[in-house]
Amino acid sequence: MLVVAIDSLVPPVGVFRRELEVKLGARVGINAYFTPPSPAGPCQGFPWHDDAHDVIALQAAGRKTWELGGDAASGGRVLLGEGDMLYVPRGVVHRTFGGDVPSLHLSVGLATM
């Protein structure tokens, strides 16, 4: 499940967004991604894609696997747990998978002003 612009719906996230914009000198957008548990095996979030902006993924709850680089064999695979973060530069191809527990991460998009 995707919640676009969660910063406009949850006031503390909106404050965080505005503070990041000032400190980083970048336009910031924040979306939330929830992946339900999948006892049968990994549950794919989005298929391979890239973003036109830098992304900082903040894992808020549960775990999520990130694959980077276009295929699992040539790229990296990172498991984020609660409290972890991952920087994905603009243009890096990636996809995500949930697992056996609910997963929630915030995707902080950074566009240089």
C-alpha atoms as a PDB file:
ATOM      1  CA  MET A   1       0.000   0.000   0.000  1.00  0.00           C
ATOM      2  CA  LEU A   2       1.289   3.442  -0.952  1.00  0.00           C
ATOM      3  CA  VAL A   3       0.453   6.704   0.831  1.00  0.00           C
ATOM      4  CA  VAL A   4       1.652   9.583  -1.332  1.00  0.00           C
ATOM      5  CA  ALA A   5       2.713  12.797   0.436  1.00  0.00           C
ATOM      6  CA  ILE A   6       2.276  11.371   3.934  1.00  0.00           C
ATOM      7  CA  ASP A   7       3.989  14.558   5.114  1.00  0.00           C
ATOM      8  CA  SER A   8       0.740  16.416   4.337  1.00  0.00           C
ATOM      9  CA  LEU A   9      -1.312  13.947   6.401  1.00  0.00           C
ATOM     10  CA  VAL A  10       0.878  13.382   9.477  1.00  0.00           C
ATOM     11  CA  PRO A  11       2.027  16.676  11.073  1.00  0.00           C
ATOM     12  CA  PRO A  12       5.323  15.385  12.602  1.00  0.00           C
ATOM     13  CA  VAL A  13       6.341  13.998   9.201  1.00  0.00           C
ATOM     14  CA  GLY A  14       5.514  17.390   7.673  1.00  0.00           C
ATOM     15  CA  VAL A  15       7.798  19.122  10.198  1.00  0.00           C
ATOM     16  CA  PHE A  16      10.553  16.603   9.373  1.00  0.00           C
ATOM     17  CA  ARG A  17      10.118  17.308   5.638  1.00  0.00           C
ATOM     18  CA  ARG A  18      10.354  21.079   6.090  1.00  0.00           C
ATOM     19  CA  GLU A  19      13.455  20.766   8.299  1.00  0.00           C
ATOM     20  CA  LEU A  20      15.141  18.532   5.696  1.00  0.00           C
ATOM     21  CA  GLU A  21      14.381  21.041   2.937  1.00  0.00           C
ATOM     22  CA  VAL A  22      16.039  23.839   4.904  1.00  0.00           C
ATOM     23  CA  LYS A  23      19.071  21.819   6.020  1.00  0.00           C
ATOM     24  CA  LEU A  24      19.713  20.043   2.711  1.00  0.00           C
ATOM     25  CA  GLY A  25      18.701  22.798   0.314  1.00  0.00           C
ATOM     26  CA  ALA A  26      16.567  20.350  -1.653  1.00  0.00           C
ATOM     27  CA  ARG A  27      12.893  19.840  -2.416  1.00  0.00           C
ATOM     28  CA  VAL A  28      11.717  16.919  -0.307  1.00  0.00           C
ATOM     29  CA  GLY A  29       8.724  14.626  -0.719  1.00  0.00           C
ATOM     30  CA  ILE A  30       7.866  11.768   1.607  1.00  0.00           C
ATOM     31  CA  ASN A  31       5.763   8.708   0.762  1.00  0.00           C
ATOM     32  CA  ALA A  32       4.940   5.718   2.979  1.00  0.00           C
ATOM     33  CA  TYR A  33       5.002   2.105   1.747  1.00  0.00           C
ATOM     34  CA  PHE A  34       3.325  -0.699   3.694  1.00  0.00           C
ATOM     35  CA  THR A  35       3.859  -4.343   2.771  1.00  0.00           C
ATOM     36  CA  PRO A  36       1.686  -6.915   4.583  1.00  0.00           C
ATOM     37  CA  PRO A  37       3.263 -10.112   5.912  1.00  0.00           C
ATOM     38  CA  SER A  38       3.585 -12.966   3.446  1.00  0.00           C
ATOM     39  CA  PRO A  39       3.947 -16.345   5.182  1.00  0.00           C
ATOM     40  CA  ALA A  40       4.239 -18.034   1.772  1.00  0.00           C
ATOM     41  CA  GLY A  41       7.494 -16.233   0.922  1.00  0.00           C
ATOM     42  CA  PRO A  42       8.773 -12.844  -0.212  1.00  0.00           C
ATOM     43  CA  CYS A  43       6.132 -10.350  -1.347  1.00  0.00           C
ATOM     44  CA  GLN A  44       7.390  -8.010  -4.072  1.00  0.00           C
ATOM     45  CA  GLY A  45       6.708  -4.321  -3.588  1.00  0.00           C
ATOM     46  CA  PHE A  46       7.493  -2.537  -6.833  1.00  0.00           C
ATOM     47  CA  PRO A  47       9.223  -4.232  -9.790  1.00  0.00           C
ATOM     48  CA  TRP A  48      12.616  -3.020 -11.046  1.00  0.00           C
ATOM     49  CA  HIS A  49      12.568   0.762 -11.505  1.00  0.00           C
ATOM     50  CA  ASP A  50      14.669   3.853 -10.997  1.00  0.00           C
ATOM     51  CA  ASP A  51      13.777   7.267  -9.635  1.00  0.00           C
ATOM     52  CA  ALA A  52      14.512  10.714 -11.081  1.00  0.00           C
ATOM     53  CA  HIS A  53      15.564  11.904  -7.610  1.00  0.00           C
ATOM     54  CA  ASP A  54      17.743  10.640  -4.770  1.00  0.00           C
ATOM     55  CA  VAL A  55      15.946   8.485  -2.193  1.00  0.00           C
ATOM     56  CA  ILE A  56      16.575   7.866   1.476  1.00  0.00           C
ATOM     57  CA  ALA A  57      14.589   4.848   2.664  1.00  0.00           C
ATOM     58  CA  LEU A  58      13.774   4.921   6.392  1.00  0.00           C
ATOM     59  CA  GLN A  59      12.580   1.538   7.699  1.00  0.00           C
ATOM     60  CA  ALA A  60       9.959   2.413  10.339  1.00  0.00           C
ATOM     61  CA  ALA A  61       8.661  -1.072  11.192  1.00  0.00           C
ATOM     62  CA  GLY A  62       9.360  -4.672  10.260  1.00  0.00           C
ATOM     63  CA  ARG A  63      11.879  -5.660   7.597  1.00  0.00           C
ATOM     64  CA  LYS A  64      12.227  -5.126   3.866  1.00  0.00           C
ATOM     65  CA  THR A  65      14.767  -6.452   1.370  1.00  0.00           C
ATOM     66  CA  TRP A  66      16.108  -4.044  -1.231  1.00  0.00           C
ATOM     67  CA  GLU A  67      17.797  -5.270  -4.409  1.00  0.00           C
ATOM     68  CA  LEU A  68      19.927  -2.740  -6.256  1.00  0.00           C
ATOM     69  CA  GLY A  69      21.487  -2.733  -9.690  1.00  0.00           C
ATOM     70  CA  GLY A  70      19.044  -4.354 -12.109  1.00  0.00           C
ATOM     71  CA  ASP A  71      19.290  -7.986 -11.096  1.00  0.00           C
ATOM     72  CA  ALA A  72      19.950  -9.773  -7.836  1.00  0.00           C
ATOM     73  CA  ALA A  73      23.126 -11.434  -9.110  1.00  0.00           C
ATOM     74  CA  SER A  74      25.004  -8.319 -10.260  1.00  0.00           C
ATOM     75  CA  GLY A  75      23.651  -5.768  -7.823  1.00  0.00           C
ATOM     76  CA  GLY A  76      23.482  -5.587  -4.079  1.00  0.00           C
ATOM     77  CA  ARG A  77      20.940  -7.002  -1.707  1.00  0.00           C
ATOM     78  CA  VAL A  78      20.267  -5.199   1.569  1.00  0.00           C
ATOM     79  CA  LEU A  79      17.929  -6.213   4.391  1.00  0.00           C
ATOM     80  CA  LEU A  80      16.632  -3.201   6.290  1.00  0.00           C
ATOM     81  CA  GLY A  81      15.311  -3.664   9.814  1.00  0.00           C
ATOM     82  CA  GLU A  82      13.439  -1.247  12.011  1.00  0.00           C
ATOM     83  CA  GLY A  83      15.475   1.955  12.403  1.00  0.00           C
ATOM     84  CA  ASP A  84      17.755   1.274   9.406  1.00  0.00           C
ATOM     85  CA  MET A  85      18.118   3.573   6.425  1.00  0.00           C
ATOM     86  CA  LEU A  86      19.395   3.220   2.879  1.00  0.00           C
ATOM     87  CA  TYR A  87      20.518   5.861   0.376  1.00  0.00           C
ATOM     88  CA  VAL A  88      19.589   5.112  -3.249  1.00  0.00           C
ATOM     89  CA  PRO A  89      21.104   7.628  -5.687  1.00  0.00           C
ATOM     90  CA  ARG A  90      19.006   8.958  -8.569  1.00  0.00           C
ATOM     91  CA  GLY A  91      19.028   6.547 -11.511  1.00  0.00           C
ATOM     92  CA  VAL A  92      19.977   3.397  -9.569  1.00  0.00           C
ATOM     93  CA  VAL A  93      17.631   0.566 -10.523  1.00  0.00           C
ATOM     94  CA  HIS A  94      16.043  -1.141  -7.504  1.00  0.00           C
ATOM     95  CA  ARG A  95      13.110  -3.178  -6.211  1.00  0.00           C
ATOM     96  CA  THR A  96      11.823  -4.241  -2.792  1.00  0.00           C
ATOM     97  CA  PHE A  97      10.409  -7.316  -1.090  1.00  0.00           C
ATOM     98  CA  GLY A  98       8.552  -7.740   2.178  1.00  0.00           C
ATOM     99  CA  GLY A  99       8.705 -10.934   4.195  1.00  0.00           C
ATOM    100  CA  ASP A 100       6.996 -12.770   7.015  1.00  0.00           C
ATOM    101  CA  VAL A 101       6.260  -9.646   9.095  1.00  0.00           C
ATOM    102  CA  PRO A 102       4.455  -6.386   8.257  1.00  0.00           C
ATOM    103  CA  SER A 103       6.809  -3.770   6.832  1.00  0.00           C
ATOM    104  CA  LEU A 104       6.555   0.014   6.733  1.00  0.00           C
ATOM    105  CA  HIS A 105       9.135   2.359   5.274  1.00  0.00           C
ATOM    106  CA  LEU A 106       9.203   6.042   4.443  1.00  0.00           C
ATOM    107  CA  SER A 107      10.710   7.019   1.131  1.00  0.00           C
ATOM    108  CA  VAL A 108      12.272  10.468   1.336  1.00  0.00           C
ATOM    109  CA  GLY A 109      12.731  11.856  -2.173  1.00  0.00           C
ATOM    110  CA  LEU A 110      15.370  14.576  -2.579  1.00  0.00           C
ATOM    111  CA  ALA A 111      15.353  16.858  -5.609  1.00  0.00           C
ATOM    112  CA  THR A 112      18.112  19.467  -5.763  1.00  0.00           C
ATOM    113  CA  MET A 113      16.719  22.999  -5.827  1.00  0.00           C
END
